[in-house]
Amino acid sequence: ENKLKKSFCSALSITEDLVNESLEYNGIPEWDSIGHMSLISAIEEEFKISVETDDIIDFSGYKKGKEILSSKYNIKF
């Protein structure tokens, strides 16, 4: 989970205290459409995966993202 938090912090230029289960897309100014693509890119690089388009669209929050990464990409948190 630290790797995922690190991806959020680096891609969105935010501090780790902002990364929690309630963090949602567009919930903070940094997580806009451009930030979203930076985030997906950072996650792909960190976990050595390629996130499918449907999953990019469904990645609506930190909690939802963890669910997607766990169920579809076998990443354990």
N, C-alpha and C. Protein backbone atom coordinates (compact mmCIF):
# COMPACT_ATOMS: atom_id res chain seq x y z
N GLU A 1 0.83 -1.20 0.00
CA GLU A 1 0.00 0.00 0.00
C GLU A 1 0.87 1.26 0.00
N ASN A 2 2.07 1.16 0.57
CA ASN A 2 2.97 2.31 0.55
C ASN A 2 3.35 2.70 -0.87
N LYS A 3 3.51 1.70 -1.75
CA LYS A 3 3.85 1.99 -3.14
C LYS A 3 2.71 2.75 -3.82
N LEU A 4 1.47 2.39 -3.50
CA LEU A 4 0.32 3.08 -4.09
C LEU A 4 0.25 4.52 -3.56
N LYS A 5 0.44 4.69 -2.27
CA LYS A 5 0.42 6.04 -1.70
C LYS A 5 1.52 6.89 -2.30
N LYS A 6 2.69 6.29 -2.49
CA LYS A 6 3.82 7.00 -3.10
C LYS A 6 3.46 7.45 -4.52
N SER A 7 2.76 6.59 -5.25
CA SER A 7 2.33 6.94 -6.62
C SER A 7 1.39 8.13 -6.59
N PHE A 8 0.43 8.12 -5.66
CA PHE A 8 -0.50 9.25 -5.54
C PHE A 8 0.25 10.54 -5.21
N CYS A 9 1.15 10.46 -4.24
CA CYS A 9 1.89 11.66 -3.81
C CYS A 9 2.73 12.24 -4.94
N SER A 10 3.46 11.38 -5.64
CA SER A 10 4.34 11.89 -6.69
C SER A 10 3.56 12.38 -7.90
N ALA A 11 2.53 11.65 -8.31
CA ALA A 11 1.78 12.03 -9.51
C ALA A 11 0.95 13.29 -9.30
N LEU A 12 0.39 13.44 -8.10
CA LEU A 12 -0.50 14.57 -7.84
C LEU A 12 0.19 15.70 -7.08
N SER A 13 1.45 15.49 -6.71
CA SER A 13 2.20 16.49 -5.93
C SER A 13 1.45 16.86 -4.65
N ILE A 14 1.06 15.83 -3.90
CA ILE A 14 0.37 16.06 -2.63
C ILE A 14 1.13 15.35 -1.51
N THR A 15 0.79 15.69 -0.29
CA THR A 15 1.42 15.05 0.87
C THR A 15 0.67 13.77 1.22
N GLU A 16 1.37 12.86 1.87
CA GLU A 16 0.80 11.54 2.17
C GLU A 16 -0.43 11.63 3.07
N ASP A 17 -0.53 12.67 3.89
CA ASP A 17 -1.69 12.78 4.78
C ASP A 17 -3.00 13.00 4.01
N LEU A 18 -2.92 13.42 2.76
CA LEU A 18 -4.13 13.59 1.93
C LEU A 18 -4.59 12.28 1.30
N VAL A 19 -3.71 11.27 1.29
CA VAL A 19 -4.02 10.00 0.63
C VAL A 19 -4.67 9.06 1.65
N ASN A 20 -5.98 8.88 1.51
CA ASN A 20 -6.72 8.00 2.41
C ASN A 20 -7.93 7.42 1.70
N GLU A 21 -8.67 6.58 2.39
CA GLU A 21 -9.81 5.86 1.80
C GLU A 21 -10.88 6.80 1.23
N SER A 22 -10.95 8.03 1.73
CA SER A 22 -12.01 8.93 1.27
C SER A 22 -11.56 9.85 0.13
N LEU A 23 -10.31 9.72 -0.31
CA LEU A 23 -9.82 10.56 -1.41
C LEU A 23 -10.51 10.15 -2.71
N GLU A 24 -11.14 11.12 -3.36
CA GLU A 24 -11.90 10.87 -4.58
C GLU A 24 -11.40 11.75 -5.73
N TYR A 25 -11.62 11.25 -6.95
CA TYR A 25 -11.32 12.02 -8.16
C TYR A 25 -12.09 13.34 -8.11
N ASN A 26 -11.42 14.43 -8.41
CA ASN A 26 -11.96 15.79 -8.33
C ASN A 26 -12.28 16.23 -6.91
N GLY A 27 -11.89 15.42 -5.91
CA GLY A 27 -12.10 15.79 -4.51
C GLY A 27 -11.08 16.82 -4.04
N ILE A 28 -9.96 16.89 -4.74
CA ILE A 28 -8.94 17.90 -4.48
C ILE A 28 -8.55 18.50 -5.83
N PRO A 29 -8.11 19.75 -5.83
CA PRO A 29 -7.78 20.40 -7.12
C PRO A 29 -6.72 19.65 -7.93
N GLU A 30 -5.79 19.00 -7.24
CA GLU A 30 -4.69 18.31 -7.93
C GLU A 30 -5.16 17.09 -8.72
N TRP A 31 -6.28 16.48 -8.30
CA TRP A 31 -6.75 15.27 -8.97
C TRP A 31 -7.83 15.63 -9.98
N ASP A 32 -7.41 16.29 -11.04
CA ASP A 32 -8.30 16.61 -12.16
C ASP A 32 -7.99 15.63 -13.29
N SER A 33 -8.47 15.89 -14.48
CA SER A 33 -8.28 14.94 -15.58
C SER A 33 -6.80 14.76 -15.93
N ILE A 34 -6.04 15.82 -15.88
CA ILE A 34 -4.61 15.72 -16.17
C ILE A 34 -3.90 14.97 -15.05
N GLY A 35 -4.25 15.30 -13.82
CA GLY A 35 -3.68 14.60 -12.68
C GLY A 35 -4.02 13.12 -12.70
N HIS A 36 -5.22 12.81 -13.18
CA HIS A 36 -5.66 11.41 -13.26
C HIS A 36 -4.75 10.60 -14.18
N MET A 37 -4.44 11.16 -15.34
CA MET A 37 -3.58 10.43 -16.28
C MET A 37 -2.15 10.32 -15.73
N SER A 38 -1.68 11.33 -15.04
CA SER A 38 -0.37 11.25 -14.40
C SER A 38 -0.37 10.16 -13.33
N LEU A 39 -1.46 10.08 -12.59
CA LEU A 39 -1.59 9.07 -11.55
C LEU A 39 -1.57 7.66 -12.14
N ILE A 40 -2.36 7.44 -13.18
CA ILE A 40 -2.41 6.12 -13.82
C ILE A 40 -1.03 5.75 -14.35
N SER A 41 -0.35 6.69 -14.96
CA SER A 41 0.99 6.46 -15.48
C SER A 41 1.95 6.07 -14.34
N ALA A 42 1.86 6.77 -13.22
CA ALA A 42 2.73 6.48 -12.08
C ALA A 42 2.44 5.09 -11.51
N ILE A 43 1.16 4.72 -11.46
CA ILE A 43 0.77 3.39 -10.96
C ILE A 43 1.28 2.30 -11.90
N GLU A 44 1.12 2.53 -13.20
CA GLU A 44 1.61 1.55 -14.18
C GLU A 44 3.11 1.35 -14.04
N GLU A 45 3.82 2.42 -13.86
CA GLU A 45 5.27 2.34 -13.73
C GLU A 45 5.68 1.66 -12.43
N GLU A 46 5.04 2.03 -11.34
CA GLU A 46 5.38 1.49 -10.02
C GLU A 46 5.11 -0.01 -9.93
N PHE A 47 3.97 -0.44 -10.48
CA PHE A 47 3.57 -1.85 -10.34
C PHE A 47 3.86 -2.69 -11.59
N LYS A 48 4.45 -2.07 -12.61
CA LYS A 48 4.82 -2.78 -13.85
C LYS A 48 3.59 -3.46 -14.48
N ILE A 49 2.51 -2.67 -14.62
CA ILE A 49 1.28 -3.17 -15.22
C ILE A 49 0.83 -2.19 -16.30
N SER A 50 -0.16 -2.60 -17.07
CA SER A 50 -0.81 -1.72 -18.02
C SER A 50 -2.29 -1.70 -17.67
N VAL A 51 -2.77 -0.55 -17.22
CA VAL A 51 -4.15 -0.44 -16.77
C VAL A 51 -5.08 -0.27 -17.97
N GLU A 52 -6.11 -1.10 -18.03
CA GLU A 52 -7.06 -1.06 -19.14
C GLU A 52 -7.90 0.22 -19.09
N THR A 53 -8.37 0.64 -20.26
CA THR A 53 -9.14 1.88 -20.37
C THR A 53 -10.35 1.90 -19.44
N ASP A 54 -11.10 0.80 -19.38
CA ASP A 54 -12.28 0.76 -18.50
C ASP A 54 -11.89 0.96 -17.05
N ASP A 55 -10.75 0.41 -16.66
CA ASP A 55 -10.28 0.55 -15.28
C ASP A 55 -9.82 1.97 -14.99
N ILE A 56 -9.24 2.63 -15.99
CA ILE A 56 -8.84 4.03 -15.83
C ILE A 56 -10.07 4.88 -15.56
N ILE A 57 -11.14 4.61 -16.28
CA ILE A 57 -12.39 5.35 -16.11
C ILE A 57 -13.02 5.05 -14.75
N ASP A 58 -12.98 3.79 -14.34
CA ASP A 58 -13.59 3.37 -13.07
C ASP A 58 -12.78 3.79 -11.85
N PHE A 59 -11.53 4.17 -12.04
CA PHE A 59 -10.63 4.53 -10.94
C PHE A 59 -11.06 5.88 -10.38
N SER A 60 -12.13 5.87 -9.58
CA SER A 60 -12.77 7.12 -9.14
C SER A 60 -12.34 7.58 -7.76
N GLY A 61 -11.53 6.78 -7.10
CA GLY A 61 -11.07 7.17 -5.77
C GLY A 61 -9.97 6.24 -5.30
N TYR A 62 -9.34 6.60 -4.21
CA TYR A 62 -8.26 5.77 -3.67
C TYR A 62 -8.76 4.37 -3.32
N LYS A 63 -9.89 4.32 -2.62
CA LYS A 63 -10.45 3.02 -2.21
C LYS A 63 -10.83 2.18 -3.42
N LYS A 64 -11.52 2.79 -4.38
CA LYS A 64 -11.92 2.09 -5.60
C LYS A 64 -10.70 1.63 -6.39
N GLY A 65 -9.68 2.45 -6.43
CA GLY A 65 -8.45 2.08 -7.12
C GLY A 65 -7.80 0.85 -6.51
N LYS A 66 -7.78 0.80 -5.18
CA LYS A 66 -7.22 -0.38 -4.50
C LYS A 66 -8.02 -1.63 -4.87
N GLU A 67 -9.34 -1.50 -4.93
CA GLU A 67 -10.19 -2.64 -5.31
C GLU A 67 -9.87 -3.12 -6.73
N ILE A 68 -9.76 -2.19 -7.66
CA ILE A 68 -9.45 -2.52 -9.05
C ILE A 68 -8.09 -3.20 -9.14
N LEU A 69 -7.08 -2.62 -8.50
CA LEU A 69 -5.73 -3.18 -8.57
C LEU A 69 -5.66 -4.56 -7.92
N SER A 70 -6.41 -4.75 -6.84
CA SER A 70 -6.43 -6.05 -6.16
C SER A 70 -7.11 -7.12 -7.00
N SER A 71 -8.30 -6.80 -7.50
CA SER A 71 -9.09 -7.83 -8.19
C SER A 71 -8.62 -8.12 -9.60
N LYS A 72 -8.18 -7.12 -10.34
CA LYS A 72 -7.84 -7.34 -11.74
C LYS A 72 -6.35 -7.50 -12.03
N TYR A 73 -5.52 -7.01 -11.12
CA TYR A 73 -4.08 -7.02 -11.40
C TYR A 73 -3.29 -7.80 -10.33
N ASN A 74 -4.03 -8.47 -9.44
CA ASN A 74 -3.42 -9.32 -8.39
C ASN A 74 -2.39 -8.59 -7.54
N ILE A 75 -2.68 -7.34 -7.22
CA ILE A 75 -1.80 -6.59 -6.34
C ILE A 75 -2.40 -6.63 -4.93
N LYS A 76 -1.62 -7.05 -3.97
CA LYS A 76 -2.12 -7.23 -2.60
C LYS A 76 -1.82 -5.99 -1.77
N PHE A 77 -2.82 -5.60 -0.98
CA PHE A 77 -2.67 -4.44 -0.08
C PHE A 77 -2.90 -4.88 1.35
